[in-house]
Structures are given as structure tokens and as C-alpha cells.
Amino acid sequence: MDPLTYAEGANVRSHVSDDEWKLRVDLAACYRLVARYGWDDLVFTHISARVPGPEHHFLINPYGALFEEITASSLVKVDLNGRPVMDTPFPVNPAGFTIHSAIHAANDDARCVLHTHSLHGVAIAARQGGLELVSQQALSIYRTLGYHDYEGIAVRDDEKVRLVADLGKNKLLILRNHGLLAVGRTIPDAFLAMYTLESACRIQVLAESGGKPLSLVPKALLETIEAESKIATMGSFGDLAWPALLRRLDRKDPSFRR
């Protein structure tokens, strides 16, 4: 079923709380933004967000829908095992929820988990040494970035422990030979963290394509850059840019709100 067609008549809004509906709108917007920035991989990655309340329920994409099609109503509510807990005509990919369920279960602050297979991200994930201190973007996230070695397609439960350990208290994780992952207390925070990591990866790929040695920023500047970043973002980070991103989506196509 077309998610937009479903959104027209499903009346999901009347069956969920105001807090959940806001979360649905933000998560649908996040999917649309990932598509607009070209980070999507057809239908094969996921962004999940925990629904407010004690039930440990989560919202995730209907499997088979392009990110540019996803609406607030079409998002599927699942439990920690990836099983739907609310009527939906859309299928869910439980295997695709493996990474997300591991992090959500282990870290209560990880309210949003965003995973991509972007070309620049995978290029850096395949590179020995990973992300270098080539750019201001890289410096701003360097100390909140971890790495997880490739173990095949992430469908086995035994990998969860190692994935969670490698993420630790970081907000970002490079999945070697696989892709990128960001977590946040909010959807805007997770998106902006991923935006910064994606930008850093793309800059490095472009810089290395010139065939000349890279000019690396000294690690001694890490603390200075982190402090200055907090000043530049007014201590807000995700929430500062998010309203503007929603306005952009509303101008282009507001159907994500349905």
C-alpha cells in the first residue's frame, strides 16, 4: 500500500497521544531529510525513535517504503523484538531492527537511532584509519565517535553485546565496511550528529581524491573546538537547525505530516 494513500484514511492521529504524534511527524521528517540529502539506500536502512511512556515501544519505517514516501501515519509501532503493537497494513523487517533494539535496550538516553549506508560514509568505513582530523566537522565529533568491526549483515543477536560495547557513551559509530550510526536524546540531535559525520566523511573523501597529502588539524585543538562549537550552536545543537529544516520540507512537500 502507498504510505500517502494510507495516511489519507487511517486516522492514526486519533489513536495516539499528542506526544506520540509529534514524534511521528519529526521521525517522518527525518526520513524525508535523509532522502533529500542522498543518504538513503532504497529501503534498506532504518531510523527508529522511542515512543514516550513505560512500554518500550518504538517507531520505525514500514518495510518496502522509500524514505521519501514515509508519513507520520505510516510509521510502524513495534516492541523491542520488532513486532508491531498497533494495527498496520505494512510489513516490518525484524532483522533490520537488530542494531536499533540493541542500542535502545542498553541506553535509555538513545531515544533516536539513525543508521545509513551512504556512499561517503561507507567509503570512510572501509578505509584503514577511518575518519581523520581533516576538517572542523571531524574535530567537532572526534571524541564522541567509536568503531565497530564488520561481522556480516547485522541479524544475529550475539553481535548486540559487541555493538553496544563499541558504541559505549559515544553518539556516533562507524560500522566498518558497512555504514554509519548516530544516536540522540531527540530526533533533531541524532539527525544533526549524522549530518556532521556525513559532512566530515564527504570532505575527507574529496580531500583524498586530489592525491596530495592531507593537512591534519592537531589533536591539541580538540578541546578548543568542542568549547567553541558549544558557543557557536548556543548550546542547542539539533534544536537550533530543526525548525528551519521542517520549514524547508513544508515548502517542498508537507505530506510527511499526514
C-alpha atoms as a PDB file:
ATOM      1  CA  MET A   1       0.000   0.000   0.000  1.00  0.00           C
ATOM      2  CA  ASP A   2       1.166   3.528  -0.802  1.00  0.00           C
ATOM      3  CA  PRO A   3       2.002   5.271   2.529  1.00  0.00           C
ATOM      4  CA  LEU A   4       0.424   8.507   1.312  1.00  0.00           C
ATOM      5  CA  THR A   5      -2.795   6.738   0.355  1.00  0.00           C
ATOM      6  CA  TYR A   6      -2.872   5.021   3.738  1.00  0.00           C
ATOM      7  CA  ALA A   7      -2.261   8.305   5.557  1.00  0.00           C
ATOM      8  CA  GLU A   8      -5.342   9.854   3.954  1.00  0.00           C
ATOM      9  CA  GLY A   9      -7.769   7.454   5.607  1.00  0.00           C
ATOM     10  CA  ALA A  10      -6.006   5.747   8.500  1.00  0.00           C
ATOM     11  CA  ASN A  11      -6.821   8.384  11.138  1.00  0.00           C
ATOM     12  CA  VAL A  12      -3.809   7.272  13.188  1.00  0.00           C
ATOM     13  CA  ARG A  13      -3.745  10.729  14.772  1.00  0.00           C
ATOM     14  CA  SER A  14      -6.922   9.965  16.749  1.00  0.00           C
ATOM     15  CA  HIS A  15      -5.439   6.768  18.222  1.00  0.00           C
ATOM     16  CA  VAL A  16      -2.171   8.136  19.630  1.00  0.00           C
ATOM     17  CA  SER A  17      -1.187  10.749  22.191  1.00  0.00           C
ATOM     18  CA  ASP A  18      -0.142  14.283  21.264  1.00  0.00           C
ATOM     19  CA  ASP A  19       3.438  13.437  22.258  1.00  0.00           C
ATOM     20  CA  GLU A  20       3.495  10.372  20.028  1.00  0.00           C
ATOM     21  CA  TRP A  21       2.037  12.287  17.090  1.00  0.00           C
ATOM     22  CA  LYS A  22       4.719  14.972  17.395  1.00  0.00           C
ATOM     23  CA  LEU A  23       7.336  12.225  17.485  1.00  0.00           C
ATOM     24  CA  ARG A  24       5.798  10.658  14.383  1.00  0.00           C
ATOM     25  CA  VAL A  25       5.918  13.950  12.498  1.00  0.00           C
ATOM     26  CA  ASP A  26       9.555  14.537  13.469  1.00  0.00           C
ATOM     27  CA  LEU A  27      10.569  10.993  12.556  1.00  0.00           C
ATOM     28  CA  ALA A  28       8.782  11.153   9.196  1.00  0.00           C
ATOM     29  CA  ALA A  29      10.586  14.450   8.585  1.00  0.00           C
ATOM     30  CA  CYS A  30      13.891  12.810   9.463  1.00  0.00           C
ATOM     31  CA  TYR A  31      13.293  10.078   6.893  1.00  0.00           C
ATOM     32  CA  ARG A  32      12.431  12.683   4.248  1.00  0.00           C
ATOM     33  CA  LEU A  33      15.576  14.689   5.074  1.00  0.00           C
ATOM     34  CA  VAL A  34      17.799  11.610   4.833  1.00  0.00           C
ATOM     35  CA  ALA A  35      16.330  11.029   1.366  1.00  0.00           C
ATOM     36  CA  ARG A  36      16.786  14.665   0.334  1.00  0.00           C
ATOM     37  CA  TYR A  37      20.445  14.629   1.374  1.00  0.00           C
ATOM     38  CA  GLY A  38      21.002  11.402  -0.570  1.00  0.00           C
ATOM     39  CA  TRP A  39      21.911   9.199   2.401  1.00  0.00           C
ATOM     40  CA  ASP A  40      19.161   6.634   1.817  1.00  0.00           C
ATOM     41  CA  ASP A  41      19.800   3.188   0.354  1.00  0.00           C
ATOM     42  CA  LEU A  42      16.493   2.403  -1.358  1.00  0.00           C
ATOM     43  CA  VAL A  43      14.506   0.797   1.516  1.00  0.00           C
ATOM     44  CA  PHE A  44      17.353  -0.906   3.361  1.00  0.00           C
ATOM     45  CA  THR A  45      18.250   1.195   6.391  1.00  0.00           C
ATOM     46  CA  HIS A  46      16.264   2.425   9.362  1.00  0.00           C
ATOM     47  CA  ILE A  47      15.690   5.296  11.744  1.00  0.00           C
ATOM     48  CA  SER A  48      13.914   4.467  14.994  1.00  0.00           C
ATOM     49  CA  ALA A  49      12.562   6.567  17.847  1.00  0.00           C
ATOM     50  CA  ARG A  50      11.255   5.552  21.257  1.00  0.00           C
ATOM     51  CA  VAL A  51       7.629   6.416  21.966  1.00  0.00           C
ATOM     52  CA  PRO A  52       7.103   8.330  25.243  1.00  0.00           C
ATOM     53  CA  GLY A  53       5.870   6.077  28.049  1.00  0.00           C
ATOM     54  CA  PRO A  54       6.929   2.991  30.024  1.00  0.00           C
ATOM     55  CA  GLU A  55       6.124   0.393  27.346  1.00  0.00           C
ATOM     56  CA  HIS A  56       9.428   0.499  25.449  1.00  0.00           C
ATOM     57  CA  HIS A  57       7.662   0.870  22.124  1.00  0.00           C
ATOM     58  CA  PHE A  58       9.359   2.309  19.087  1.00  0.00           C
ATOM     59  CA  LEU A  59       8.515   3.834  15.724  1.00  0.00           C
ATOM     60  CA  ILE A  60      10.240   2.580  12.594  1.00  0.00           C
ATOM     61  CA  ASN A  61       9.720   2.708   8.834  1.00  0.00           C
ATOM     62  CA  PRO A  62       7.267   0.458   7.007  1.00  0.00           C
ATOM     63  CA  TYR A  63       9.494  -2.043   5.225  1.00  0.00           C
ATOM     64  CA  GLY A  64       9.432  -1.540   1.482  1.00  0.00           C
ATOM     65  CA  ALA A  65       8.629   2.190   1.514  1.00  0.00           C
ATOM     66  CA  LEU A  66      11.121   4.659   0.128  1.00  0.00           C
ATOM     67  CA  PHE A  67      12.226   7.237   2.677  1.00  0.00           C
ATOM     68  CA  GLU A  68      10.729   9.973   0.512  1.00  0.00           C
ATOM     69  CA  GLU A  69       7.299   8.320   0.863  1.00  0.00           C
ATOM     70  CA  ILE A  70       7.143   7.938   4.634  1.00  0.00           C
ATOM     71  CA  THR A  71       4.455   9.778   6.567  1.00  0.00           C
ATOM     72  CA  ALA A  72       3.649  10.227  10.255  1.00  0.00           C
ATOM     73  CA  SER A  73       0.709   7.805   9.918  1.00  0.00           C
ATOM     74  CA  SER A  74       2.590   5.083   8.071  1.00  0.00           C
ATOM     75  CA  LEU A  75       5.325   4.654  10.694  1.00  0.00           C
ATOM     76  CA  VAL A  76       5.011   1.284  12.422  1.00  0.00           C
ATOM     77  CA  LYS A  77       4.969   0.994  16.230  1.00  0.00           C
ATOM     78  CA  VAL A  78       6.899  -2.057  17.430  1.00  0.00           C
ATOM     79  CA  ASP A  79       8.167  -3.633  20.648  1.00  0.00           C
ATOM     80  CA  LEU A  80      11.816  -4.409  21.432  1.00  0.00           C
ATOM     81  CA  ASN A  81      11.579  -7.561  19.321  1.00  0.00           C
ATOM     82  CA  GLY A  82      10.446  -5.607  16.265  1.00  0.00           C
ATOM     83  CA  ARG A  83       6.869  -6.921  16.421  1.00  0.00           C
ATOM     84  CA  PRO A  84       4.030  -4.467  15.613  1.00  0.00           C
ATOM     85  CA  VAL A  85       1.952  -3.445  18.631  1.00  0.00           C
ATOM     86  CA  MET A  86      -0.587  -1.416  16.648  1.00  0.00           C
ATOM     87  CA  ASP A  87      -2.633  -2.426  13.612  1.00  0.00           C
ATOM     88  CA  THR A  88      -0.814  -1.664  10.381  1.00  0.00           C
ATOM     89  CA  PRO A  89      -1.034  -2.878   6.778  1.00  0.00           C
ATOM     90  CA  PHE A  90       2.721  -2.521   6.406  1.00  0.00           C
ATOM     91  CA  PRO A  91       5.347  -5.226   6.894  1.00  0.00           C
ATOM     92  CA  VAL A  92       8.217  -4.845   9.342  1.00  0.00           C
ATOM     93  CA  ASN A  93      11.724  -6.205   8.929  1.00  0.00           C
ATOM     94  CA  PRO A  94      12.605  -7.635  12.389  1.00  0.00           C
ATOM     95  CA  ALA A  95      16.151  -8.406  11.252  1.00  0.00           C
ATOM     96  CA  GLY A  96      16.629  -4.750  10.360  1.00  0.00           C
ATOM     97  CA  PHE A  97      15.724  -3.804  13.906  1.00  0.00           C
ATOM     98  CA  THR A  98      18.639  -5.791  15.396  1.00  0.00           C
ATOM     99  CA  ILE A  99      21.004  -2.826  15.602  1.00  0.00           C
ATOM    100  CA  HIS A 100      18.319  -0.488  16.860  1.00  0.00           C
ATOM    101  CA  SER A 101      16.865  -2.801  19.505  1.00  0.00           C
ATOM    102  CA  ALA A 102      20.326  -3.480  20.950  1.00  0.00           C
ATOM    103  CA  ILE A 103      21.060   0.209  21.447  1.00  0.00           C
ATOM    104  CA  HIS A 104      17.574   1.176  22.645  1.00  0.00           C
ATOM    105  CA  ALA A 105      17.607  -1.658  25.206  1.00  0.00           C
ATOM    106  CA  ALA A 106      21.053  -0.780  26.537  1.00  0.00           C
ATOM    107  CA  ASN A 107      20.856   3.020  26.601  1.00  0.00           C
ATOM    108  CA  ASP A 108      17.760   4.819  27.811  1.00  0.00           C
ATOM    109  CA  ASP A 109      19.165   8.115  26.520  1.00  0.00           C
ATOM    110  CA  ALA A 110      19.291   6.757  22.963  1.00  0.00           C
ATOM    111  CA  ARG A 111      15.758   7.880  22.093  1.00  0.00           C
ATOM    112  CA  CYS A 112      16.585   8.022  18.383  1.00  0.00           C
ATOM    113  CA  VAL A 113      18.898   5.701  16.426  1.00  0.00           C
ATOM    114  CA  LEU A 114      19.775   6.645  12.837  1.00  0.00           C
ATOM    115  CA  HIS A 115      21.628   4.231  10.533  1.00  0.00           C
ATOM    116  CA  THR A 116      22.824   4.923   6.975  1.00  0.00           C
ATOM    117  CA  HIS A 117      24.676   3.225   4.128  1.00  0.00           C
ATOM    118  CA  SER A 118      25.699   6.461   2.409  1.00  0.00           C
ATOM    119  CA  LEU A 119      28.452   6.200  -0.187  1.00  0.00           C
ATOM    120  CA  HIS A 120      30.835   8.621   1.514  1.00  0.00           C
ATOM    121  CA  GLY A 121      30.131   7.041   4.885  1.00  0.00           C
ATOM    122  CA  VAL A 122      30.846   3.525   3.645  1.00  0.00           C
ATOM    123  CA  ALA A 123      33.969   4.786   1.880  1.00  0.00           C
ATOM    124  CA  ILE A 124      35.380   6.057   5.181  1.00  0.00           C
ATOM    125  CA  ALA A 125      34.129   2.918   6.968  1.00  0.00           C
ATOM    126  CA  ALA A 126      36.193   0.857   4.501  1.00  0.00           C
ATOM    127  CA  ARG A 127      39.301   2.983   4.973  1.00  0.00           C
ATOM    128  CA  GLN A 128      42.109   1.903   7.284  1.00  0.00           C
ATOM    129  CA  GLY A 129      42.375   4.627   9.890  1.00  0.00           C
ATOM    130  CA  GLY A 130      38.763   5.659   9.421  1.00  0.00           C
ATOM    131  CA  LEU A 131      37.961   9.334   9.910  1.00  0.00           C
ATOM    132  CA  GLU A 132      40.927  11.707  10.094  1.00  0.00           C
ATOM    133  CA  LEU A 133      41.132  15.207  11.549  1.00  0.00           C
ATOM    134  CA  VAL A 134      40.880  16.803   8.120  1.00  0.00           C
ATOM    135  CA  SER A 135      38.090  19.260   8.833  1.00  0.00           C
ATOM    136  CA  GLN A 136      36.397  21.328  11.506  1.00  0.00           C
ATOM    137  CA  GLN A 137      33.449  18.946  11.191  1.00  0.00           C
ATOM    138  CA  ALA A 138      35.660  15.978  12.036  1.00  0.00           C
ATOM    139  CA  LEU A 139      37.138  17.750  15.043  1.00  0.00           C
ATOM    140  CA  SER A 140      33.726  18.585  16.468  1.00  0.00           C
ATOM    141  CA  ILE A 141      32.715  14.896  16.660  1.00  0.00           C
ATOM    142  CA  TYR A 142      36.068  13.120  17.024  1.00  0.00           C
ATOM    143  CA  ARG A 143      35.806  12.362  20.728  1.00  0.00           C
ATOM    144  CA  THR A 144      32.255  11.079  20.513  1.00  0.00           C
ATOM    145  CA  LEU A 145      32.973   8.636  17.673  1.00  0.00           C
ATOM    146  CA  GLY A 146      33.517   4.890  18.013  1.00  0.00           C
ATOM    147  CA  TYR A 147      34.142   1.981  15.612  1.00  0.00           C
ATOM    148  CA  HIS A 148      32.565  -1.464  15.278  1.00  0.00           C
ATOM    149  CA  ASP A 149      34.234  -4.194  13.208  1.00  0.00           C
ATOM    150  CA  TYR A 150      32.287  -5.844  10.415  1.00  0.00           C
ATOM    151  CA  GLU A 151      30.670  -9.180  11.327  1.00  0.00           C
ATOM    152  CA  GLY A 152      28.383  -9.631   8.329  1.00  0.00           C
ATOM    153  CA  ILE A 153      24.788  -8.467   7.903  1.00  0.00           C
ATOM    154  CA  ALA A 154      23.596  -7.447  11.367  1.00  0.00           C
ATOM    155  CA  VAL A 155      20.925 -10.074  12.007  1.00  0.00           C
ATOM    156  CA  ARG A 156      22.465 -12.137  14.846  1.00  0.00           C
ATOM    157  CA  ASP A 157      21.615 -11.450  18.478  1.00  0.00           C
ATOM    158  CA  ASP A 158      25.125 -12.333  19.675  1.00  0.00           C
ATOM    159  CA  GLU A 159      26.518  -9.258  17.879  1.00  0.00           C
ATOM    160  CA  LYS A 160      24.387  -6.926  20.010  1.00  0.00           C
ATOM    161  CA  VAL A 161      26.711  -7.072  23.029  1.00  0.00           C
ATOM    162  CA  ARG A 162      29.761  -6.107  20.975  1.00  0.00           C
ATOM    163  CA  LEU A 163      27.870  -3.385  19.122  1.00  0.00           C
ATOM    164  CA  VAL A 164      26.693  -1.783  22.360  1.00  0.00           C
ATOM    165  CA  ALA A 165      30.183  -2.050  23.892  1.00  0.00           C
ATOM    166  CA  ASP A 166      31.798  -0.395  20.869  1.00  0.00           C
ATOM    167  CA  LEU A 167      29.275   2.449  20.939  1.00  0.00           C
ATOM    168  CA  GLY A 168      29.769   2.950  24.675  1.00  0.00           C
ATOM    169  CA  LYS A 169      28.907   6.514  25.619  1.00  0.00           C
ATOM    170  CA  ASN A 170      29.579   7.823  22.130  1.00  0.00           C
ATOM    171  CA  LYS A 171      26.934   9.462  19.962  1.00  0.00           C
ATOM    172  CA  LEU A 172      28.369   8.202  16.690  1.00  0.00           C
ATOM    173  CA  LEU A 173      29.638   4.876  15.422  1.00  0.00           C
ATOM    174  CA  ILE A 174      31.373   3.918  12.201  1.00  0.00           C
ATOM    175  CA  LEU A 175      30.384   0.360  11.293  1.00  0.00           C
ATOM    176  CA  ARG A 176      33.453  -0.800   9.396  1.00  0.00           C
ATOM    177  CA  ASN A 177      32.757  -1.811   5.773  1.00  0.00           C
ATOM    178  CA  HIS A 178      29.066  -1.186   6.452  1.00  0.00           C
ATOM    179  CA  GLY A 179      27.956   2.350   7.235  1.00  0.00           C
ATOM    180  CA  LEU A 180      27.325   4.979   9.896  1.00  0.00           C
ATOM    181  CA  LEU A 181      25.186   5.212  13.012  1.00  0.00           C
ATOM    182  CA  ALA A 182      24.080   8.138  15.188  1.00  0.00           C
ATOM    183  CA  VAL A 183      22.138   8.209  18.447  1.00  0.00           C
ATOM    184  CA  GLY A 184      20.493  11.120  20.198  1.00  0.00           C
ATOM    185  CA  ARG A 185      18.209  12.045  23.065  1.00  0.00           C
ATOM    186  CA  THR A 186      15.988  13.595  20.400  1.00  0.00           C
ATOM    187  CA  ILE A 187      15.421  13.119  16.681  1.00  0.00           C
ATOM    188  CA  PRO A 188      16.926  16.556  15.868  1.00  0.00           C
ATOM    189  CA  ASP A 189      20.071  15.721  17.870  1.00  0.00           C
ATOM    190  CA  ALA A 190      20.535  12.382  16.096  1.00  0.00           C
ATOM    191  CA  PHE A 191      19.988  13.979  12.685  1.00  0.00           C
ATOM    192  CA  LEU A 192      22.438  16.824  13.303  1.00  0.00           C
ATOM    193  CA  ALA A 193      25.047  14.405  14.632  1.00  0.00           C
ATOM    194  CA  MET A 194      24.687  12.329  11.474  1.00  0.00           C
ATOM    195  CA  TYR A 195      24.773  15.450   9.303  1.00  0.00           C
ATOM    196  CA  THR A 196      28.117  16.409  10.872  1.00  0.00           C
ATOM    197  CA  LEU A 197      29.570  12.919  10.469  1.00  0.00           C
ATOM    198  CA  GLU A 198      28.354  12.634   6.885  1.00  0.00           C
ATOM    199  CA  SER A 199      29.861  16.035   6.094  1.00  0.00           C
ATOM    200  CA  ALA A 200      33.192  15.033   7.652  1.00  0.00           C
ATOM    201  CA  CYS A 201      33.250  11.800   5.625  1.00  0.00           C
ATOM    202  CA  ARG A 202      32.437  13.547   2.370  1.00  0.00           C
ATOM    203  CA  ILE A 203      35.057  16.256   2.952  1.00  0.00           C
ATOM    204  CA  GLN A 204      37.715  13.626   3.621  1.00  0.00           C
ATOM    205  CA  VAL A 205      36.844  11.619   0.508  1.00  0.00           C
ATOM    206  CA  LEU A 206      37.015  14.791  -1.591  1.00  0.00           C
ATOM    207  CA  ALA A 207      40.286  15.883   0.019  1.00  0.00           C
ATOM    208  CA  GLU A 208      41.901  12.486  -0.543  1.00  0.00           C
ATOM    209  CA  SER A 209      40.757  12.369  -4.163  1.00  0.00           C
ATOM    210  CA  GLY A 210      43.274  15.074  -5.017  1.00  0.00           C
ATOM    211  CA  GLY A 211      46.158  12.676  -4.475  1.00  0.00           C
ATOM    212  CA  LYS A 212      48.088  15.050  -2.217  1.00  0.00           C
ATOM    213  CA  PRO A 213      48.950  14.533   1.477  1.00  0.00           C
ATOM    214  CA  LEU A 214      46.231  15.738   3.859  1.00  0.00           C
ATOM    215  CA  SER A 215      46.741  18.667   6.184  1.00  0.00           C
ATOM    216  CA  LEU A 216      45.579  17.323   9.546  1.00  0.00           C
ATOM    217  CA  VAL A 217      44.435  19.531  12.409  1.00  0.00           C
ATOM    218  CA  PRO A 218      46.445  18.966  15.624  1.00  0.00           C
ATOM    219  CA  LYS A 219      44.614  16.931  18.274  1.00  0.00           C
ATOM    220  CA  ALA A 220      45.661  19.622  20.752  1.00  0.00           C
ATOM    221  CA  LEU A 221      42.862  21.772  19.328  1.00  0.00           C
ATOM    222  CA  LEU A 222      40.120  19.251  20.167  1.00  0.00           C
ATOM    223  CA  GLU A 223      39.068  20.819  23.463  1.00  0.00           C
ATOM    224  CA  THR A 224      39.142  24.302  21.960  1.00  0.00           C
ATOM    225  CA  ILE A 225      36.982  23.271  19.006  1.00  0.00           C
ATOM    226  CA  GLU A 226      34.487  21.485  21.274  1.00  0.00           C
ATOM    227  CA  ALA A 227      34.140  24.540  23.514  1.00  0.00           C
ATOM    228  CA  GLU A 228      33.795  26.890  20.560  1.00  0.00           C
ATOM    229  CA  SER A 229      31.195  24.606  18.948  1.00  0.00           C
ATOM    230  CA  LYS A 230      29.005  24.927  22.040  1.00  0.00           C
ATOM    231  CA  ILE A 231      29.254  28.708  21.769  1.00  0.00           C
ATOM    232  CA  ALA A 232      28.502  28.664  18.022  1.00  0.00           C
ATOM    233  CA  THR A 233      25.417  26.479  18.485  1.00  0.00           C
ATOM    234  CA  MET A 234      24.257  28.397  21.562  1.00  0.00           C
ATOM    235  CA  GLY A 235      24.292  25.110  23.485  1.00  0.00           C
ATOM    236  CA  SER A 236      21.355  23.855  21.439  1.00  0.00           C
ATOM    237  CA  PHE A 237      22.753  21.788  18.546  1.00  0.00           C
ATOM    238  CA  GLY A 238      19.863  19.837  16.971  1.00  0.00           C
ATOM    239  CA  ASP A 239      17.023  22.068  18.104  1.00  0.00           C
ATOM    240  CA  LEU A 240      18.677  25.140  16.590  1.00  0.00           C
ATOM    241  CA  ALA A 241      18.512  23.915  12.977  1.00  0.00           C
ATOM    242  CA  TRP A 242      15.499  21.585  13.153  1.00  0.00           C
ATOM    243  CA  PRO A 243      12.703  24.182  12.785  1.00  0.00           C
ATOM    244  CA  ALA A 244      14.409  25.555   9.677  1.00  0.00           C
ATOM    245  CA  LEU A 245      14.711  22.048   8.226  1.00  0.00           C
ATOM    246  CA  LEU A 246      10.995  21.466   8.824  1.00  0.00           C
ATOM    247  CA  ARG A 247      10.216  24.739   7.052  1.00  0.00           C
ATOM    248  CA  ARG A 248      12.270  23.544   4.085  1.00  0.00           C
ATOM    249  CA  LEU A 249      10.315  20.308   3.953  1.00  0.00           C
ATOM    250  CA  ASP A 250       6.999  22.155   4.256  1.00  0.00           C
ATOM    251  CA  ARG A 251       7.919  24.353   1.293  1.00  0.00           C
ATOM    252  CA  LYS A 252       8.920  21.361  -0.842  1.00  0.00           C
ATOM    253  CA  ASP A 253       6.404  18.703   0.214  1.00  0.00           C
ATOM    254  CA  PRO A 254       4.472  18.790   3.518  1.00  0.00           C
ATOM    255  CA  SER A 255       2.971  15.320   3.010  1.00  0.00           C
ATOM    256  CA  PHE A 256       5.276  13.877   5.690  1.00  0.00           C
ATOM    257  CA  ARG A 257       2.856  15.385   8.245  1.00  0.00           C
ATOM    258  CA  ARG A 258      -0.081  13.213   7.155  1.00  0.00           C
END
